[in-house]
Protein backbone atom coordinates (compact mmCIF):
# COMPACT_ATOMS: atom_id res chain seq x y z
CA MET A 1 9.73 -20.05 -27.96
CA ASN A 2 6.02 -20.82 -27.59
CA ASN A 3 3.98 -17.93 -29.01
CA ASN A 4 1.23 -18.65 -26.47
CA SER A 5 3.47 -18.58 -23.40
CA ILE A 6 3.11 -15.85 -20.77
CA ALA A 7 5.37 -14.97 -17.84
CA VAL A 8 3.51 -12.96 -15.20
CA ILE A 9 5.97 -10.95 -13.11
CA GLY A 10 5.11 -9.43 -9.72
CA GLY A 11 1.88 -7.61 -8.97
CA ASP A 12 -0.92 -8.25 -6.52
CA SER A 13 -3.75 -10.78 -6.63
CA ARG A 14 -5.10 -9.18 -9.82
CA GLN A 15 -2.08 -10.54 -11.67
CA LEU A 16 -2.65 -14.02 -10.25
CA PHE A 17 -6.30 -14.01 -11.29
CA ALA A 18 -5.20 -12.77 -14.72
CA ALA A 19 -2.70 -15.64 -14.88
CA GLY A 20 -5.40 -18.18 -14.04
CA PHE A 21 -7.79 -16.75 -16.63
CA LEU A 22 -5.12 -16.81 -19.35
CA ALA A 23 -4.19 -20.40 -18.47
CA GLN A 24 -7.84 -21.41 -18.83
CA ALA A 25 -7.86 -19.65 -22.20
CA GLY A 26 -5.15 -22.00 -23.45
CA TYR A 27 -1.96 -20.05 -22.75
CA GLU A 28 1.07 -21.61 -21.09
CA VAL A 29 1.41 -19.40 -18.00
CA SER A 30 4.04 -19.15 -15.31
CA VAL A 31 4.49 -16.57 -12.54
CA PHE A 32 7.46 -15.05 -10.77
CA ALA A 33 7.80 -12.90 -7.63
CA ASN A 34 4.35 -13.46 -6.15
CA GLU A 35 5.01 -16.51 -4.02
CA HIS A 36 3.01 -15.15 -1.07
CA GLY A 37 -0.19 -15.09 -3.11
CA LYS A 38 -2.59 -17.88 -4.04
CA ILE A 39 -1.17 -19.19 -7.31
CA PRO A 40 -3.76 -21.01 -9.47
CA GLU A 41 -3.19 -24.76 -9.93
CA SER A 42 -3.11 -24.32 -13.71
CA VAL A 43 -0.13 -21.94 -13.42
CA ASN A 44 3.54 -22.78 -12.91
CA SER A 45 6.12 -20.85 -10.88
CA LEU A 46 9.49 -19.66 -12.17
CA ASN A 47 12.63 -19.90 -10.04
CA HIS A 48 14.65 -17.15 -11.66
CA LEU A 49 13.95 -13.94 -13.54
CA SER A 50 16.10 -15.19 -16.41
CA ASP A 51 13.57 -17.98 -16.98
CA ILE A 52 11.34 -15.52 -18.84
CA ASN A 53 13.63 -15.94 -21.86
CA THR A 54 11.60 -18.96 -22.93
CA PHE A 55 8.33 -16.98 -22.95
CA SER A 56 6.91 -14.83 -25.73
CA ILE A 57 4.79 -12.55 -23.52
CA VAL A 58 5.77 -10.77 -20.30
CA LEU A 59 2.89 -9.41 -18.20
CA LEU A 60 3.88 -6.80 -15.61
CA PRO A 61 1.85 -5.24 -12.76
CA LEU A 62 -0.55 -2.32 -12.45
CA PRO A 63 1.16 -0.05 -11.56
CA VAL A 64 4.36 -1.51 -12.97
CA SER A 65 6.39 0.40 -10.36
CA LYS A 66 5.62 2.59 -7.36
CA ASN A 67 9.06 4.13 -6.96
CA GLY A 68 10.52 4.23 -10.46
CA LYS A 69 13.32 1.87 -9.43
CA THR A 70 11.79 -1.53 -8.76
CA ILE A 71 8.93 -3.61 -10.12
CA ASN A 72 5.82 -3.62 -7.93
CA THR A 73 5.95 -6.97 -6.08
CA PRO A 74 3.66 -6.77 -3.00
CA LEU A 75 3.22 -10.57 -2.91
CA SER A 76 6.91 -11.37 -2.85
CA SER A 77 9.96 -11.05 -0.63
CA GLN A 78 12.02 -10.55 -3.76
CA GLU A 79 12.97 -7.15 -5.09
CA ILE A 80 13.29 -6.82 -8.85
CA SER A 81 15.03 -3.72 -10.11
CA ILE A 82 13.77 -2.25 -13.36
CA LYS A 83 17.36 -2.49 -14.63
CA ASP A 84 17.49 -6.24 -13.97
CA LEU A 85 14.17 -6.71 -15.71
CA MET A 86 15.27 -4.69 -18.74
CA ASP A 87 18.50 -6.68 -18.94
CA THR A 88 16.36 -9.80 -19.28
CA VAL A 89 13.86 -8.52 -21.83
CA THR A 90 14.77 -9.20 -25.48
CA GLU A 91 13.42 -8.13 -28.85
CA ASN A 92 11.50 -11.42 -28.97
CA HIS A 93 9.34 -10.45 -26.01
CA THR A 94 5.99 -8.70 -26.12
CA VAL A 95 5.69 -6.78 -22.85
CA PHE A 96 2.45 -5.63 -21.22
CA TYR A 97 2.46 -3.31 -18.22
CA GLY A 98 0.25 -0.80 -16.43
CA MET A 99 0.89 2.91 -15.82
CA GLY A 100 4.46 2.98 -17.05
CA SER A 101 6.45 6.19 -16.72
CA GLU A 102 8.08 7.91 -19.69
CA SER A 103 11.53 6.77 -18.54
CA PHE A 104 10.28 3.18 -18.16
CA GLU A 105 8.87 3.25 -21.68
CA ARG A 106 12.03 4.76 -23.14
CA THR A 107 14.16 2.04 -21.62
CA LEU A 108 11.73 -0.67 -22.68
CA LYS A 109 11.73 0.67 -26.24
CA SER A 110 15.49 0.13 -26.39
CA ARG A 111 14.93 -3.56 -25.62
CA THR A 112 11.84 -4.46 -27.68
CA LYS A 113 9.50 -2.76 -30.10
CA LYS A 114 6.54 -4.86 -28.97
CA PHE A 115 5.05 -3.39 -25.80
CA TYR A 116 1.76 -1.94 -24.59
CA ASP A 117 0.56 -0.05 -21.52
CA TYR A 118 -2.74 -1.81 -20.94
CA PHE A 119 -3.92 1.03 -18.70
CA THR A 120 -4.27 3.15 -21.83
CA SER A 121 -7.06 0.87 -23.07
CA GLU A 122 -10.30 2.84 -22.86
CA ASN A 123 -12.30 -0.36 -22.31
CA LEU A 124 -10.07 -1.36 -19.40
CA ILE A 125 -10.15 2.15 -17.91
CA LEU A 126 -13.95 2.27 -18.02
CA LYS A 127 -14.40 -1.20 -16.55
CA ASN A 128 -11.78 -0.45 -13.88
CA ALA A 129 -13.53 2.82 -13.03
CA TYR A 130 -16.84 1.02 -12.54
CA LEU A 131 -15.23 -1.56 -10.24
CA THR A 132 -13.58 1.29 -8.32
CA ALA A 133 -16.96 3.00 -7.87
CA GLU A 134 -18.41 -0.29 -6.63
CA GLY A 135 -15.55 -0.53 -4.12
CA ILE A 136 -16.23 3.00 -2.89
CA THR A 137 -19.89 2.08 -2.42
CA GLY A 138 -18.80 -0.92 -0.37
CA ILE A 139 -16.68 1.34 1.84
CA ILE A 140 -19.68 3.57 2.50
CA LEU A 141 -21.81 0.55 3.43
CA GLU A 142 -19.08 -0.65 5.80
CA LYS A 143 -18.18 2.65 7.45
CA LEU A 144 -21.50 4.50 7.77
CA PRO A 145 -24.03 3.20 10.33
CA VAL A 146 -27.01 4.21 8.17
CA SER A 147 -28.83 3.06 5.05
CA LEU A 148 -27.82 4.30 1.63
CA ARG A 149 -31.43 5.24 0.97
CA GLY A 150 -31.67 8.98 1.45
CA LEU A 151 -27.98 9.30 2.36
CA LYS A 152 -26.92 12.82 1.49
CA THR A 153 -23.80 12.27 -0.59
CA ALA A 154 -21.56 14.71 -2.45
CA VAL A 155 -19.24 13.58 -5.23
CA THR A 156 -16.53 15.95 -6.41
CA GLY A 157 -15.68 15.36 -10.05
CA PHE A 158 -17.82 13.90 -12.81
CA GLY A 159 -15.25 11.91 -14.75
CA ARG A 160 -15.34 8.14 -15.13
CA ILE A 161 -15.11 7.21 -11.44
CA GLY A 162 -17.18 10.18 -10.26
CA GLY A 163 -19.85 9.48 -12.84
CA PHE A 164 -20.11 5.81 -11.91
CA CYS A 165 -20.19 6.68 -8.19
CA CYS A 166 -23.14 9.00 -8.82
CA GLU A 167 -24.94 6.40 -10.91
CA ILE A 168 -24.50 3.51 -8.47
CA LEU A 169 -25.36 5.53 -5.37
CA LYS A 170 -28.39 7.13 -7.02
CA ASN A 171 -29.68 3.71 -8.10
CA LEU A 172 -29.33 2.51 -4.50
CA GLY A 173 -31.46 5.39 -3.25
CA ALA A 174 -28.85 7.89 -2.07
CA ASP A 175 -29.46 11.62 -2.40
CA VAL A 176 -26.50 12.51 -4.65
CA THR A 177 -25.09 15.89 -5.62
CA VAL A 178 -22.09 16.19 -7.92
CA PHE A 179 -19.72 19.17 -7.73
CA THR A 180 -17.72 19.99 -10.84
CA GLY A 181 -16.05 22.91 -12.54
CA SER A 182 -17.89 22.28 -15.80
CA PRO A 183 -21.38 23.68 -16.46
CA GLU A 184 -21.72 21.13 -19.27
CA LYS A 185 -21.11 18.26 -16.84
CA ILE A 186 -23.65 19.73 -14.42
CA LEU A 187 -26.19 19.67 -17.22
CA LYS A 188 -25.22 16.11 -18.11
CA ALA A 189 -25.63 15.06 -14.46
CA GLU A 190 -29.04 16.72 -14.22
CA PHE A 191 -30.18 14.91 -17.37
CA SER A 192 -29.31 11.69 -15.48
CA GLY A 193 -31.38 12.71 -12.48
CA ILE A 194 -28.40 13.80 -10.37
CA LYS A 195 -28.18 17.21 -8.79
CA GLY A 196 -25.23 19.28 -9.94
CA LYS A 197 -23.42 22.31 -8.57
CA MET A 198 -20.20 24.20 -9.30
CA ASN A 199 -17.12 23.45 -7.21
CA THR A 200 -17.20 27.02 -5.93
CA GLU A 201 -20.48 26.25 -4.16
CA LEU A 202 -19.08 23.38 -2.09
CA LEU A 203 -18.08 25.72 0.75
CA PHE A 204 -21.71 26.72 1.23
CA PHE A 205 -23.23 23.24 0.96
CA ALA A 206 -20.59 20.98 2.59
CA LYS A 207 -22.47 21.08 5.90
CA ASP A 208 -25.45 19.32 4.31
CA PHE A 209 -23.76 16.00 3.56
CA ASP A 210 -23.30 12.72 5.40
CA CYS A 211 -20.56 11.63 3.03
CA ILE A 212 -18.28 13.41 0.57
CA ILE A 213 -16.36 11.46 -2.09
CA ASN A 214 -13.48 13.14 -3.88
CA THR A 215 -12.38 11.89 -7.29
CA VAL A 216 -10.39 14.97 -8.37
CA PRO A 217 -6.54 14.92 -8.08
CA ALA A 218 -6.35 18.60 -7.13
CA SER A 219 -7.08 20.67 -4.04
CA VAL A 220 -10.88 20.54 -3.79
CA LEU A 221 -11.76 19.93 -0.15
CA THR A 222 -9.68 22.59 1.54
CA ALA A 223 -9.33 23.19 5.27
CA GLU A 224 -11.94 25.94 5.03
CA ILE A 225 -14.47 23.54 3.52
CA ILE A 226 -13.64 20.64 5.84
CA LYS A 227 -14.17 22.89 8.86
CA THR A 228 -17.79 23.45 7.78
CA THR A 229 -18.66 19.75 7.42
CA ARG A 230 -20.65 17.87 10.03
CA PRO A 231 -18.55 16.14 12.71
CA GLU A 232 -20.04 12.79 11.65
CA CYS A 233 -19.45 13.39 7.93
CA VAL A 234 -17.25 10.75 6.31
CA LEU A 235 -14.74 11.97 3.73
CA ILE A 236 -13.52 9.47 1.12
CA GLU A 237 -10.39 10.18 -0.90
CA ALA A 238 -10.60 8.29 -4.20
CA ALA A 239 -8.31 10.48 -6.31
CA SER A 240 -4.72 9.79 -7.22
CA ALA A 241 -1.80 11.99 -6.15
CA PRO A 242 -1.70 14.88 -5.40
CA TYR A 243 -5.20 14.01 -4.05
CA GLY A 244 -7.96 16.48 -3.28
CA ILE A 245 -8.78 16.31 0.44
CA ASP A 246 -6.66 18.18 2.98
CA ALA A 247 -5.67 15.28 5.26
CA GLU A 248 -4.11 17.57 7.88
CA ALA A 249 -7.35 19.55 8.14
CA CYS A 250 -9.30 16.31 8.62
CA ALA A 251 -7.05 15.44 11.56
CA LYS A 252 -7.23 18.98 12.94
CA TYR A 253 -11.04 19.08 12.88
CA ASN A 254 -11.46 15.41 13.82
CA ARG A 255 -13.15 14.33 10.59
CA GLN A 256 -13.03 10.73 9.47
CA LEU A 257 -10.94 10.45 6.29
CA ILE A 258 -10.92 7.16 4.41
CA LYS A 259 -8.25 6.70 1.76
CA ALA A 260 -9.83 4.50 -0.88
CA PHE A 261 -6.59 3.59 -2.64
CA SER A 262 -5.66 0.43 -4.56
CA LEU A 263 -9.20 -0.05 -5.79
CA PRO A 264 -10.40 -2.29 -7.31
CA GLY A 265 -7.40 -4.45 -6.48
CA LYS A 266 -8.57 -4.76 -2.87
CA THR A 267 -12.32 -5.12 -3.42
CA ALA A 268 -12.69 -6.96 -6.74
CA PRO A 269 -9.27 -8.43 -7.64
CA LYS A 270 -10.68 -11.30 -9.68
CA SER A 271 -12.85 -9.08 -11.87
CA ALA A 272 -10.00 -6.58 -12.25
CA GLY A 273 -7.55 -9.35 -13.11
CA ILE A 274 -9.85 -10.79 -15.77
CA ILE A 275 -10.18 -7.32 -17.34
CA ILE A 276 -6.37 -7.13 -17.57
CA ALA A 277 -6.19 -10.63 -19.07
CA GLU A 278 -8.87 -9.85 -21.65
CA THR A 279 -6.98 -6.71 -22.68
CA VAL A 280 -3.73 -8.68 -23.06
CA LYS A 281 -5.47 -11.23 -25.28
CA GLU A 282 -7.00 -8.50 -27.42
CA LYS A 283 -3.88 -6.36 -27.77
CA PHE A 284 -1.38 -9.19 -28.29
CA ARG A 285 -2.62 -9.63 -31.84
CA GLU A 286 -2.02 -5.93 -32.53
CA VAL A 287 1.50 -5.50 -31.13
CA LYS A 288 3.14 -8.84 -31.88
């Protein structure tokens, strides 16, 4: 078994860009279950899942699964059950994956002691959050018929993605206000030149904005708030489940709701793939 061999299983174009980057870095790389994507010339394709037995590293998607039963394979006609994958993994494998569930990790632990959820890397999370914020900015540029300069924009949440959204939009000239439940984060935002208000004030100020971006996975933009927004206001949902914008209220009051999911995989897959590859290179030395 070649210690520098990597089998990339499933995933979207991020995984293929990661595969190409790792091949350029000197790894022997092959892919499986992404035949509908653009596979780099420096990367080989596997015919069977069992072929991963000759590889030392297995790189799985982000997220590794969307249903808890099968591996995420949007670029393939093949369906790989988690059970079939686990039956193939051995104690000789080092397995990397993104956003694995507790049950996935428990099963994986019974097969090998060398594994790592690369979406727990703080460096990757920060870089991914910045790329996500860039993607959200691109959506605003595409969907709103006005300049960013002076655009009255509200951002709910001042975490990684919310913070980067505020920073990027402010630097491009937008008039940004962040809404958060933390007085400390309001102060932090104001130190950065961004207006800050408590979430409880959103009901009274929602009518002032051209665009509202939600980054909080909890009920923030309720039907009562959405009703007060301008008819032309664009609402962008950038939070994970259970989300924060009442989609039914948007339909009821005829507000445009944009679901900014799968970012940055859709907007910057190469950059996102390279970040994954860099994390694999860094962490392989620690877990092998």
